[in-house]
């Protein structure tokens, strides 16, 4: 078979990878948006009355590792983030009625040594929880629970508060068997103390629904979110921000259950309540708009997704300007949607602006800058490879620019990988090894994609310049793809990295492109691709890894 035919075949296969809805670029099985771990702490005022405070626990960063690279659209949707609104005197028009301070028979607020000790234990536990020091937090929450039972009695609301706080900690630790009975005990005590329709019961139902949602026990989550929504609607009103929060979570459950129509209605109503309540420019509203746009992208409703993303970008520009990575991330999401629609020039210009902003905001060799460069190069290649839309001279100029970007993204990814490898070998950083592994996977995927794309660029360049000649080898393309194989073997030796589905998929992609480029190409005089691996070994390795990827996908169904 002639080399020219292989070149066109490889180029066509590679182009198809980047002209559709883009796939993720970096490693993480996590979804596009992060699942917030914001926790609802029950916190009695005085003795038994509860205000409800929303606090951030230690952040679970799922957006492609700590680098938070947001480039390709993930087909899998995240669970709803917990955007519950504080029930404070600033937000509640009738805070006293909602808080409902429990008083003694003579009307004075109960205050004694048990209350003081219980409050100290609760405060300390909450503080450690928010710092991510979960073992210390557990000790204080257990002490708070014991103090509440000894000081106020087994069925006192203080006990419900302590049970809820401890259950939330166990939920974060994924100790679900410990958390569930504590949630149930808190709910039973609150229902006995205040009645089944009290707002505190509604908050407890919301927490319990979140507990089930994290586990994908969707039918159970549906039951408790519906109960929470009913109580909040009756007590707080149907235009309350807290009511909208539970509505959003219920919409997520319905979406995951396949009830798309009803879920979208809840999402839209939740956003409308925020906007009408003066929260249209809040990050809570932005996250919900992103979530809804993600649903549209998954359903290939690109124009609707574009409209939401333009709205998000407009708000971010007003709030933060371009001196914020939040604005950059919003612009990138819009750019990738525009690429999918086919508005390539507009997408490329937007990505170029993102790169300029990142170079100001981040160190020059930050991995996000490398990923941004890779993204621009891919969009540019789709643009100049379209037949009869670009003159050859213009295409060559664009290719040179794309090659420069790819060379830089490759260099940056290598530097990051070398740095992380050294960092992981340092015993002082042992505690951050899991985070380092995620970063390594992300950087390795960027490196593999950059080299793979560079191979396509060289193939495309040869097609344009030497399109009339056949049987020409392409050493530049082969060199880039060989480097792809070498990079995987250099940086992917650790099992935790080589087992990453994203890393594995990129390596297989590079290997297949290399095999297609040189297999049966006797005119190049090459009998094997490398001193380190023969054609047969390459074929066997591709088959083995394809089988592993297929097996992994089947196990997740």
Protein backbone atom coordinates (compact mmCIF):
# COMPACT_ATOMS: atom_id res chain seq x y z
CA UNK A 1 0.00 0.00 0.00
CA UNK A 2 1.30 3.42 -0.91
CA UNK A 3 2.60 5.78 1.73
CA UNK A 4 0.45 8.64 0.49
CA UNK A 5 -2.68 6.60 1.10
CA UNK A 6 -1.55 5.89 4.63
CA UNK A 7 -0.81 9.55 5.26
CA UNK A 8 -4.30 10.54 4.18
CA UNK A 9 -5.83 7.76 6.27
CA UNK A 10 -3.91 8.75 9.39
CA UNK A 11 -4.62 12.44 8.87
CA UNK A 12 -8.30 11.75 8.40
CA UNK A 13 -8.49 9.65 11.56
CA UNK A 14 -6.66 12.27 13.58
CA UNK A 15 -8.77 15.12 12.27
CA UNK A 16 -11.95 13.32 13.21
CA UNK A 17 -10.68 13.29 16.77
CA UNK A 18 -10.60 17.06 16.98
CA UNK A 19 -13.45 18.22 14.78
CA UNK A 20 -16.27 16.77 16.84
CA UNK A 21 -17.25 17.63 20.39
CA UNK A 22 -13.83 17.63 22.06
CA UNK A 23 -12.99 15.00 24.62
CA UNK A 24 -11.32 15.66 27.94
CA UNK A 25 -7.72 16.57 27.93
CA UNK A 26 -6.52 15.65 31.34
CA UNK A 27 -6.81 12.82 33.73
CA UNK A 28 -9.52 12.57 36.25
CA UNK A 29 -12.49 10.34 36.34
CA UNK A 30 -14.24 13.26 37.88
CA UNK A 31 -16.74 15.40 36.06
CA UNK A 32 -16.43 18.87 34.61
CA UNK A 33 -17.87 20.69 37.59
CA UNK A 34 -16.73 19.98 41.15
CA UNK A 35 -19.03 18.36 43.67
CA UNK A 36 -18.99 20.87 46.44
CA UNK A 37 -18.60 19.48 49.92
CA UNK A 38 -20.35 22.37 51.60
CA UNK A 39 -21.92 21.11 54.77
CA UNK A 40 -25.01 22.14 56.66
CA UNK A 41 -24.10 22.36 60.33
CA UNK A 42 -26.93 22.45 62.82
CA UNK A 43 -26.00 25.05 65.38
CA UNK A 44 -28.40 25.77 68.25
CA UNK A 45 -28.60 29.33 69.54
CA UNK A 46 -29.04 29.44 73.25
CA UNK A 47 -29.99 25.83 73.77
CA UNK A 48 -32.37 24.08 71.46
CA UNK A 49 -33.11 26.60 68.74
CA UNK A 50 -31.28 26.11 65.50
CA UNK A 51 -29.87 28.47 63.00
CA UNK A 52 -28.49 26.82 59.96
CA UNK A 53 -25.00 27.82 58.86
CA UNK A 54 -23.43 26.84 55.59
CA UNK A 55 -19.69 26.29 55.75
CA UNK A 56 -17.15 25.06 53.24
CA UNK A 57 -15.37 21.91 54.26
CA UNK A 58 -11.98 21.14 52.78
CA UNK A 59 -12.47 21.55 49.04
CA UNK A 60 -12.60 18.52 46.82
CA UNK A 61 -11.05 19.82 43.60
CA UNK A 62 -12.21 17.59 40.79
CA UNK A 63 -11.61 19.82 37.77
CA UNK A 64 -8.74 17.89 36.33
CA UNK A 65 -6.58 17.90 39.39
CA UNK A 66 -5.39 20.96 41.29
CA UNK A 67 -4.40 22.69 38.07
CA UNK A 68 -8.13 23.02 37.38
CA UNK A 69 -7.65 22.84 33.63
CA UNK A 70 -11.01 23.28 31.97
CA UNK A 71 -10.63 22.52 28.28
CA UNK A 72 -12.63 19.62 26.93
CA UNK A 73 -16.28 18.90 27.58
CA UNK A 74 -16.85 15.88 29.77
CA UNK A 75 -19.76 13.66 28.69
CA UNK A 76 -20.46 12.66 32.28
CA UNK A 77 -22.31 15.06 34.52
CA UNK A 78 -21.37 15.85 38.06
CA UNK A 79 -23.67 15.45 41.01
CA UNK A 80 -25.30 18.70 42.03
CA UNK A 81 -23.20 21.05 44.07
CA UNK A 82 -24.54 22.03 47.44
CA UNK A 83 -25.30 25.71 47.15
CA UNK A 84 -27.51 26.06 50.17
CA UNK A 85 -28.01 29.61 51.35
CA UNK A 86 -27.23 30.71 54.86
CA UNK A 87 -30.18 31.06 57.16
CA UNK A 88 -28.88 34.09 58.99
CA UNK A 89 -30.47 37.25 60.19
CA UNK A 90 -29.22 38.94 57.04
CA UNK A 91 -31.18 36.59 54.80
CA UNK A 92 -34.24 35.74 56.87
CA UNK A 93 -37.02 38.26 57.12
CA UNK A 94 -38.29 36.51 60.22
CA UNK A 95 -35.22 34.85 61.65
CA UNK A 96 -36.68 34.41 65.11
CA UNK A 97 -39.59 32.36 63.81
CA UNK A 98 -37.33 30.16 61.72
CA UNK A 99 -34.71 29.72 64.43
CA UNK A 100 -37.33 29.05 67.09
CA UNK A 101 -35.17 29.34 70.22
CA UNK A 102 -36.08 26.72 72.77
CA UNK A 103 -36.71 28.30 76.15
CA UNK A 104 -37.14 27.00 79.65
CA UNK A 105 -40.49 27.07 81.43
CA UNK A 106 -39.91 30.57 82.78
CA UNK A 107 -39.05 31.88 79.32
CA UNK A 108 -35.31 32.36 79.83
CA UNK A 109 -32.85 30.92 77.36
CA UNK A 110 -31.26 27.79 78.81
CA UNK A 111 -27.59 28.31 79.62
CA UNK A 112 -25.46 25.93 81.67
CA UNK A 113 -22.15 24.13 81.74
CA UNK A 114 -23.38 21.47 79.33
CA UNK A 115 -24.28 24.08 76.75
CA UNK A 116 -20.83 25.68 77.04
CA UNK A 117 -18.96 22.39 76.76
CA UNK A 118 -21.19 21.19 73.93
CA UNK A 119 -20.62 24.43 72.04
CA UNK A 120 -16.82 24.27 72.46
CA UNK A 121 -16.72 20.69 71.18
CA UNK A 122 -18.94 21.59 68.24
CA UNK A 123 -16.95 24.71 67.32
CA UNK A 124 -13.63 22.88 67.46
CA UNK A 125 -14.97 19.96 65.46
CA UNK A 126 -16.35 22.28 62.81
CA UNK A 127 -13.09 24.22 62.57
CA UNK A 128 -11.01 21.07 62.11
CA UNK A 129 -13.55 19.75 59.60
CA UNK A 130 -13.25 22.87 57.48
CA UNK A 131 -9.45 22.58 57.54
CA UNK A 132 -9.65 19.00 56.30
CA UNK A 133 -8.35 17.56 59.57
CA UNK A 134 -11.04 14.95 59.78
CA UNK A 135 -9.59 12.75 62.53
CA UNK A 136 -9.42 15.66 64.95
CA UNK A 137 -12.89 16.81 63.87
CA UNK A 138 -14.31 13.35 64.54
CA UNK A 139 -12.96 13.35 68.11
CA UNK A 140 -14.62 16.69 68.89
CA UNK A 141 -17.91 15.76 67.23
CA UNK A 142 -18.00 12.50 69.22
CA UNK A 143 -17.35 14.47 72.39
CA UNK A 144 -20.13 16.90 71.46
CA UNK A 145 -22.52 13.98 70.95
CA UNK A 146 -21.60 12.44 74.31
CA UNK A 147 -21.90 15.78 76.10
CA UNK A 148 -25.31 16.42 74.51
CA UNK A 149 -26.66 13.04 75.62
CA UNK A 150 -25.30 13.36 79.15
CA UNK A 151 -26.23 17.00 79.61
CA UNK A 152 -29.60 17.27 77.87
CA UNK A 153 -30.93 13.75 77.45
CA UNK A 154 -31.01 11.20 74.65
CA UNK A 155 -33.90 12.87 72.77
CA UNK A 156 -32.83 16.50 73.04
CA UNK A 157 -32.30 18.63 69.90
CA UNK A 158 -28.68 19.13 70.91
CA UNK A 159 -28.23 15.41 70.28
CA UNK A 160 -29.82 15.79 66.84
CA UNK A 161 -27.37 18.58 66.03
CA UNK A 162 -24.39 16.48 67.13
CA UNK A 163 -25.66 13.47 65.19
CA UNK A 164 -26.06 15.54 62.03
CA UNK A 165 -22.59 17.05 62.27
CA UNK A 166 -20.97 13.68 62.85
CA UNK A 167 -22.99 12.16 60.00
CA UNK A 168 -21.81 14.89 57.63
CA UNK A 169 -18.21 14.14 58.55
CA UNK A 170 -18.70 10.43 57.93
CA UNK A 171 -20.34 11.25 54.58
CA UNK A 172 -17.24 13.17 53.54
CA UNK A 173 -15.09 10.24 54.67
CA UNK A 174 -17.40 7.91 52.71
CA UNK A 175 -18.05 5.95 55.90
CA UNK A 176 -21.65 5.60 54.80
CA UNK A 177 -22.52 2.75 57.17
CA UNK A 178 -21.65 5.01 60.13
CA UNK A 179 -23.39 8.07 58.72
CA UNK A 180 -26.81 6.65 57.87
CA UNK A 181 -28.02 5.74 61.40
CA UNK A 182 -26.86 9.14 62.66
CA UNK A 183 -28.90 10.97 60.01
CA UNK A 184 -31.94 8.88 60.90
CA UNK A 185 -31.50 9.52 64.62
CA UNK A 186 -31.22 13.27 64.02
CA UNK A 187 -34.40 13.25 61.92
CA UNK A 188 -36.37 11.24 64.49
CA UNK A 189 -35.34 13.54 67.34
CA UNK A 190 -36.17 16.69 65.38
CA UNK A 191 -39.57 15.34 64.34
CA UNK A 192 -40.36 14.42 67.94
CA UNK A 193 -39.17 17.80 69.25
CA UNK A 194 -40.62 20.17 66.65
CA UNK A 195 -43.07 18.22 64.54
CA UNK A 196 -42.71 16.63 61.09
CA UNK A 197 -43.22 19.89 59.18
CA UNK A 198 -40.62 22.02 60.98
CA UNK A 199 -37.93 23.74 58.92
CA UNK A 200 -35.21 21.97 60.92
CA UNK A 201 -36.66 18.67 59.78
CA UNK A 202 -36.60 19.99 56.22
CA UNK A 203 -32.89 20.81 56.52
CA UNK A 204 -32.24 17.33 57.91
CA UNK A 205 -34.14 15.79 54.98
CA UNK A 206 -32.01 17.81 52.56
CA UNK A 207 -28.82 16.53 54.21
CA UNK A 208 -30.09 12.96 54.06
CA UNK A 209 -30.99 13.37 50.39
CA UNK A 210 -27.45 14.61 49.71
CA UNK A 211 -26.10 11.56 51.55
CA UNK A 212 -28.01 9.25 49.19
CA UNK A 213 -27.19 11.30 46.10
CA UNK A 214 -23.45 10.97 46.69
CA UNK A 215 -23.91 7.20 46.70
CA UNK A 216 -26.15 7.30 43.63
CA UNK A 217 -28.99 5.80 45.64
CA UNK A 218 -31.24 7.95 43.54
CA UNK A 219 -34.68 6.68 44.57
CA UNK A 220 -33.88 7.26 48.24
CA UNK A 221 -32.42 10.69 47.44
CA UNK A 222 -35.57 11.53 45.48
CA UNK A 223 -37.78 10.74 48.48
CA UNK A 224 -35.92 12.94 50.93
CA UNK A 225 -35.33 15.86 48.58
CA UNK A 226 -39.05 15.90 47.80
CA UNK A 227 -39.87 15.94 51.51
CA UNK A 228 -37.35 18.73 52.11
CA UNK A 229 -38.76 20.74 49.21
CA UNK A 230 -42.30 20.43 50.50
CA UNK A 231 -41.37 21.67 53.98
CA UNK A 232 -39.16 24.50 52.74
CA UNK A 233 -41.82 25.64 50.29
CA UNK A 234 -44.44 25.80 53.02
CA UNK A 235 -42.27 27.44 55.68
CA UNK A 236 -39.92 29.64 53.63
CA UNK A 237 -41.98 30.23 50.51
CA UNK A 238 -41.48 29.14 46.91
CA UNK A 239 -39.25 32.08 46.05
CA UNK A 240 -36.81 31.47 48.87
CA UNK A 241 -33.15 30.89 47.97
CA UNK A 242 -32.91 27.86 50.24
CA UNK A 243 -35.97 26.40 48.55
CA UNK A 244 -34.23 26.92 45.20
CA UNK A 245 -31.20 25.01 46.47
CA UNK A 246 -33.21 21.89 47.28
CA UNK A 247 -35.04 22.32 43.97
CA UNK A 248 -31.70 22.21 42.14
CA UNK A 249 -30.65 19.03 43.95
CA UNK A 250 -33.98 17.38 43.24
CA UNK A 251 -33.59 18.33 39.59
CA UNK A 252 -30.21 16.59 39.56
CA UNK A 253 -31.73 13.41 40.94
CA UNK A 254 -34.53 13.48 38.37
CA UNK A 255 -32.02 14.01 35.57
CA UNK A 256 -29.94 11.05 36.70
CA UNK A 257 -33.13 8.99 36.88
CA UNK A 258 -33.84 9.88 33.24
CA UNK A 259 -36.65 12.37 33.82
CA UNK A 260 -35.04 15.10 31.71
CA UNK A 261 -38.11 17.27 31.16
CA UNK A 262 -39.02 17.66 34.83
CA UNK A 263 -35.39 18.09 35.84
CA UNK A 264 -34.84 20.93 33.37
CA UNK A 265 -37.94 22.69 34.67
CA UNK A 266 -36.52 22.53 38.20
CA UNK A 267 -33.13 23.79 37.04
CA UNK A 268 -34.70 26.74 35.25
CA UNK A 269 -36.92 27.61 38.23
CA UNK A 270 -33.96 27.38 40.59
CA UNK A 271 -31.98 29.81 38.43
CA UNK A 272 -34.98 32.11 38.06
CA UNK A 273 -35.41 32.33 41.85
CA UNK A 274 -31.76 33.27 42.24
CA UNK A 275 -31.99 35.94 39.56
CA UNK A 276 -35.23 37.40 40.93
CA UNK A 277 -33.71 37.36 44.42
CA UNK A 278 -30.79 39.49 43.28
CA UNK A 279 -28.40 36.53 43.10
CA UNK A 280 -28.11 36.33 39.32
CA UNK A 281 -24.44 37.31 39.46
CA UNK A 282 -23.55 35.01 42.34
CA UNK A 283 -21.21 32.06 41.93
CA UNK A 284 -24.09 29.83 42.96
CA UNK A 285 -26.07 30.98 39.95
CA UNK A 286 -22.99 30.69 37.71
CA UNK A 287 -22.47 27.07 38.81
CA UNK A 288 -26.07 26.20 38.07
CA UNK A 289 -25.89 27.83 34.66
CA UNK A 290 -22.75 25.79 33.97
CA UNK A 291 -24.49 22.63 35.07
CA UNK A 292 -27.44 23.27 32.77
CA UNK A 293 -25.13 24.10 29.87
CA UNK A 294 -23.37 20.80 30.49
CA UNK A 295 -26.68 19.00 30.13
CA UNK A 296 -27.29 20.77 26.83
CA UNK A 297 -23.82 19.82 25.59
CA UNK A 298 -24.37 16.20 26.44
CA UNK A 299 -27.64 16.28 24.52
CA UNK A 300 -25.87 18.03 21.60
CA UNK A 301 -28.08 21.09 22.07
CA UNK A 302 -25.15 23.31 21.23
CA UNK A 303 -26.98 26.57 20.52
CA UNK A 304 -28.71 26.44 23.92
CA UNK A 305 -25.41 25.66 25.59
CA UNK A 306 -23.77 28.56 23.77
CA UNK A 307 -26.43 31.00 24.99
CA UNK A 308 -25.89 29.96 28.61
CA UNK A 309 -22.12 30.10 28.27
CA UNK A 310 -22.27 33.59 26.79
CA UNK A 311 -24.38 34.63 29.74
CA UNK A 312 -21.85 33.13 32.15
CA UNK A 313 -18.95 34.86 30.43
CA UNK A 314 -20.78 38.20 30.43
CA UNK A 315 -21.36 37.99 34.19
CA UNK A 316 -17.76 36.96 34.86
CA UNK A 317 -16.43 39.84 32.78
CA UNK A 318 -18.61 42.28 34.72
CA UNK A 319 -17.67 40.86 38.12
CA UNK A 320 -14.01 40.01 37.72
CA UNK A 321 -12.79 41.18 34.34
CA UNK A 322 -10.07 39.26 32.55
CA UNK A 323 -7.74 39.36 35.55
CA UNK A 324 -9.40 36.23 36.87
CA UNK A 325 -9.04 32.57 36.01
CA UNK A 326 -12.81 32.20 36.52
CA UNK A 327 -13.36 34.45 33.51
CA UNK A 328 -10.75 32.55 31.51
CA UNK A 329 -12.43 29.22 32.29
CA UNK A 330 -15.82 30.61 31.25
CA UNK A 331 -14.34 31.86 27.97
CA UNK A 332 -12.71 28.49 27.28
CA UNK A 333 -15.99 26.68 27.75
CA UNK A 334 -17.65 28.97 25.23
CA UNK A 335 -14.72 28.62 22.80
CA UNK A 336 -14.94 24.82 22.78
CA UNK A 337 -18.69 24.99 22.15
CA UNK A 338 -18.09 27.40 19.26
CA UNK A 339 -15.55 24.95 17.88
CA UNK A 340 -18.12 22.17 18.02
CA UNK A 341 -20.62 24.36 16.18
CA UNK A 342 -18.01 25.07 13.51
CA UNK A 343 -17.29 28.74 14.26
CA UNK A 344 -13.58 28.07 14.36
CA UNK A 345 -12.14 31.55 13.91
CA UNK A 346 -14.23 32.95 16.74
CA UNK A 347 -13.25 30.01 18.93
CA UNK A 348 -9.56 30.48 18.15
CA UNK A 349 -9.65 34.21 18.87
CA UNK A 350 -11.31 33.57 22.21
CA UNK A 351 -8.75 30.93 23.14
CA UNK A 352 -5.91 33.27 22.15
CA UNK A 353 -7.33 35.86 24.53
CA UNK A 354 -7.48 33.21 27.25
CA UNK A 355 -3.83 32.39 26.66
CA UNK A 356 -2.84 36.07 26.93
CA UNK A 357 -4.72 36.32 30.23
CA UNK A 358 -3.18 33.14 31.60
CA UNK A 359 0.33 34.34 30.80
CA UNK A 360 -0.33 37.34 33.03
CA UNK A 361 -2.02 35.43 35.82
CA UNK A 362 0.20 32.34 36.00
CA UNK A 363 3.90 31.45 35.85
CA UNK A 364 5.13 31.10 32.28
CA UNK A 365 5.58 27.33 32.56
CA UNK A 366 2.29 26.57 34.30
CA UNK A 367 0.58 23.42 33.02
CA UNK A 368 -2.61 25.37 32.26
CA UNK A 369 -0.68 27.49 29.79
CA UNK A 370 0.60 24.36 28.07
CA UNK A 371 -2.91 22.96 27.85
CA UNK A 372 -4.20 26.28 26.50
CA UNK A 373 -1.54 26.21 23.77
CA UNK A 374 -2.50 22.66 22.82
CA UNK A 375 -6.14 23.68 22.57
CA UNK A 376 -5.38 26.62 20.27
CA UNK A 377 -3.20 24.44 18.04
CA UNK A 378 -5.96 21.86 17.66
CA UNK A 379 -8.54 24.46 16.68
CA UNK A 380 -6.10 26.08 14.27
CA UNK A 381 -5.40 22.74 12.60
CA UNK A 382 -9.07 22.10 12.02
CA UNK A 383 -9.30 25.56 10.46
CA UNK A 384 -6.41 25.31 8.02
CA UNK A 385 -7.11 21.69 7.09
CA UNK A 386 -10.55 22.48 5.70
CA UNK A 387 -10.44 22.12 1.88
CA UNK A 388 -10.65 25.26 -0.26
CA UNK A 389 -11.11 27.51 2.76
CA UNK A 390 -7.47 28.44 3.26
CA UNK A 391 -4.70 29.25 0.79
CA UNK A 392 -1.65 27.02 1.04
CA UNK A 393 0.61 29.92 2.01
CA UNK A 394 -1.79 30.95 4.79
CA UNK A 395 -2.06 27.35 5.92
CA UNK A 396 1.73 27.01 6.14
CA UNK A 397 1.90 30.16 8.25
CA UNK A 398 -0.81 28.80 10.54
CA UNK A 399 1.03 25.48 10.73
CA UNK A 400 4.22 27.17 11.83
CA UNK A 401 2.31 28.97 14.57
CA UNK A 402 0.58 25.72 15.62
CA UNK A 403 3.91 23.87 15.69
CA UNK A 404 5.38 26.56 17.93
CA UNK A 405 2.44 26.18 20.30
CA UNK A 406 2.75 22.39 20.32
CA UNK A 407 6.48 22.52 20.92
CA UNK A 408 5.88 24.82 23.89
CA UNK A 409 3.04 22.71 25.32
CA UNK A 410 5.30 19.65 25.02
CA UNK A 411 8.15 21.46 26.76
CA UNK A 412 5.92 22.69 29.59
CA UNK A 413 4.32 19.28 30.14
CA UNK A 414 7.77 17.64 30.32
CA UNK A 415 9.01 20.22 32.82
CA UNK A 416 5.94 19.68 35.00
CA UNK A 417 6.32 15.90 34.85
CA UNK A 418 10.00 16.07 35.80
CA UNK A 419 9.21 18.39 38.69
CA UNK A 420 6.35 16.25 39.97
CA UNK A 421 8.41 13.08 39.70
CA UNK A 422 11.11 14.63 41.87
CA UNK A 423 8.52 15.99 44.27
CA UNK A 424 6.91 12.59 44.65
CA UNK A 425 10.29 11.07 45.44
CA UNK A 426 10.75 13.55 48.27
CA UNK A 427 9.60 11.95 51.52
CA UNK A 428 8.55 15.35 52.83
CA UNK A 429 5.79 15.44 50.18
CA UNK A 430 4.60 11.92 50.89
CA UNK A 431 1.27 13.13 52.21
CA UNK A 432 0.50 14.83 48.89
CA UNK A 433 1.31 11.75 46.77
CA UNK A 434 -2.30 11.23 45.67
CA UNK A 435 -2.60 14.83 44.52
CA UNK A 436 0.78 14.58 42.80
CA UNK A 437 -0.33 11.45 40.94
CA UNK A 438 -3.39 13.28 39.60
CA UNK A 439 -1.20 16.13 38.42
CA UNK A 440 1.19 13.69 36.78
CA UNK A 441 -1.66 12.03 34.90
CA UNK A 442 -2.93 15.42 33.74
CA UNK A 443 0.49 16.55 32.52
CA UNK A 444 1.17 13.23 30.82
CA UNK A 445 -2.09 13.35 28.89
CA UNK A 446 -1.24 16.89 27.74
CA UNK A 447 2.21 15.69 26.66
CA UNK A 448 0.83 12.70 24.74
CA UNK A 449 -1.86 14.76 23.03
CA UNK A 450 0.65 17.46 22.09
CA UNK A 451 2.97 14.93 20.46
CA UNK A 452 0.09 13.11 18.79
CA UNK A 453 -1.20 16.39 17.38
CA UNK A 454 2.29 17.31 16.25
CA UNK A 455 2.36 14.09 14.25
CA UNK A 456 -0.89 15.09 12.55
CA UNK A 457 0.51 18.53 11.80
CA UNK A 458 3.52 17.07 10.02
CA UNK A 459 1.31 14.72 8.02
CA UNK A 460 -0.96 17.60 7.02
CA UNK A 461 2.02 19.76 6.09
CA UNK A 462 3.31 17.03 3.77
CA UNK A 463 -0.12 16.62 2.19
CA UNK A 464 -0.27 20.32 1.36
CA UNK A 465 3.29 20.80 0.14
CA UNK A 466 3.94 17.46 -1.54
CA UNK A 467 0.44 16.32 -2.32
CA UNK A 468 1.32 15.11 -5.81
CA UNK A 469 4.17 12.87 -4.74
CA UNK A 470 3.74 9.34 -3.39
CA UNK A 471 5.88 6.93 -1.36
CA UNK A 472 7.46 9.70 0.71
CA UNK A 473 8.41 8.89 4.28
CA UNK A 474 7.49 11.37 6.98
CA UNK A 475 10.30 11.24 9.55
CA UNK A 476 9.00 14.30 11.45
CA UNK A 477 5.59 12.69 12.04
CA UNK A 478 7.17 9.37 12.97
CA UNK A 479 9.58 11.11 15.33
CA UNK A 480 6.73 12.87 17.16
CA UNK A 481 4.77 9.63 17.52
CA UNK A 482 7.86 7.69 18.67
CA UNK A 483 8.41 10.38 21.25
CA UNK A 484 4.82 9.81 22.37
CA UNK A 485 5.63 6.15 23.01
CA UNK A 486 8.87 7.04 24.80
CA UNK A 487 7.14 9.62 27.00
CA UNK A 488 4.60 7.07 28.16
CA UNK A 489 7.34 4.58 29.02
CA UNK A 490 9.33 7.28 30.81
CA UNK A 491 6.58 8.89 32.88
CA UNK A 492 3.87 6.21 32.94
CA UNK A 493 5.79 3.42 34.63
CA UNK A 494 4.04 3.90 37.97
CA UNK A 495 0.93 1.71 38.10
CA UNK A 496 -1.31 4.48 39.44
CA UNK A 497 -0.44 6.53 36.33
CA UNK A 498 -0.37 3.79 33.70
CA UNK A 499 -3.78 2.56 34.91
CA UNK A 500 -5.37 5.97 34.36
CA UNK A 501 -8.06 5.50 31.67
CA UNK A 502 -7.22 8.85 30.08
CA UNK A 503 -3.48 8.18 29.97
CA UNK A 504 -4.04 4.70 28.63
CA UNK A 505 -6.42 5.93 25.92
CA UNK A 506 -3.99 8.60 24.73
CA UNK A 507 -1.12 6.14 24.61
CA UNK A 508 -3.16 3.68 22.56
CA UNK A 509 -4.18 6.50 20.21
CA UNK A 510 -0.54 7.48 19.62
CA UNK A 511 0.43 3.84 19.09
CA UNK A 512 -2.32 3.25 16.54
CA UNK A 513 -1.40 6.36 14.60
CA UNK A 514 2.24 5.32 14.52
CA UNK A 515 1.29 1.83 13.40
CA UNK A 516 -0.96 3.18 10.64
CA UNK A 517 1.81 5.46 9.44
CA UNK A 518 4.53 2.83 9.00
CA UNK A 519 2.84 -0.57 8.85
CA UNK A 520 3.48 -2.33 5.53
CA UNK A 521 5.24 0.78 4.22
CA UNK A 522 8.10 -1.01 2.52
CA UNK A 523 9.01 2.05 0.48
CA UNK A 524 10.50 3.73 3.55
CA UNK A 525 12.93 0.86 3.96
CA UNK A 526 11.90 0.56 7.61
CA UNK A 527 11.43 -2.98 8.90
CA UNK A 528 10.68 -2.06 12.50
CA UNK A 529 9.66 1.19 14.17
CA UNK A 530 12.38 1.36 16.79
CA UNK A 531 15.31 -0.39 18.34
CA UNK A 532 13.23 -0.63 21.49
CA UNK A 533 10.04 -2.12 20.04
CA UNK A 534 9.20 -4.08 16.91
CA UNK A 535 6.07 -3.75 14.80
CA UNK A 536 4.77 -7.03 16.19
CA UNK A 537 5.38 -5.89 19.76
CA UNK A 538 3.58 -2.64 19.02
CA UNK A 539 0.57 -4.52 17.63
CA UNK A 540 0.47 -6.83 20.63
CA UNK A 541 0.70 -3.93 23.06
CA UNK A 542 -2.14 -2.07 21.32
CA UNK A 543 -4.32 -5.18 21.49
CA UNK A 544 -3.51 -5.73 25.17
CA UNK A 545 -4.30 -2.16 26.16
CA UNK A 546 -7.46 -2.08 24.04
CA UNK A 547 -8.63 -5.17 25.92
CA UNK A 548 -7.83 -3.51 29.26
CA UNK A 549 -9.75 -0.36 28.32
CA UNK A 550 -12.76 -2.40 27.14
CA UNK A 551 -12.71 -4.47 30.32
CA UNK A 552 -12.56 -1.33 32.45
CA UNK A 553 -15.54 0.17 30.64
CA UNK A 554 -17.58 -2.99 31.07
CA UNK A 555 -16.84 -3.09 34.80
CA UNK A 556 -18.19 0.46 35.22
CA UNK A 557 -21.52 -0.27 33.61
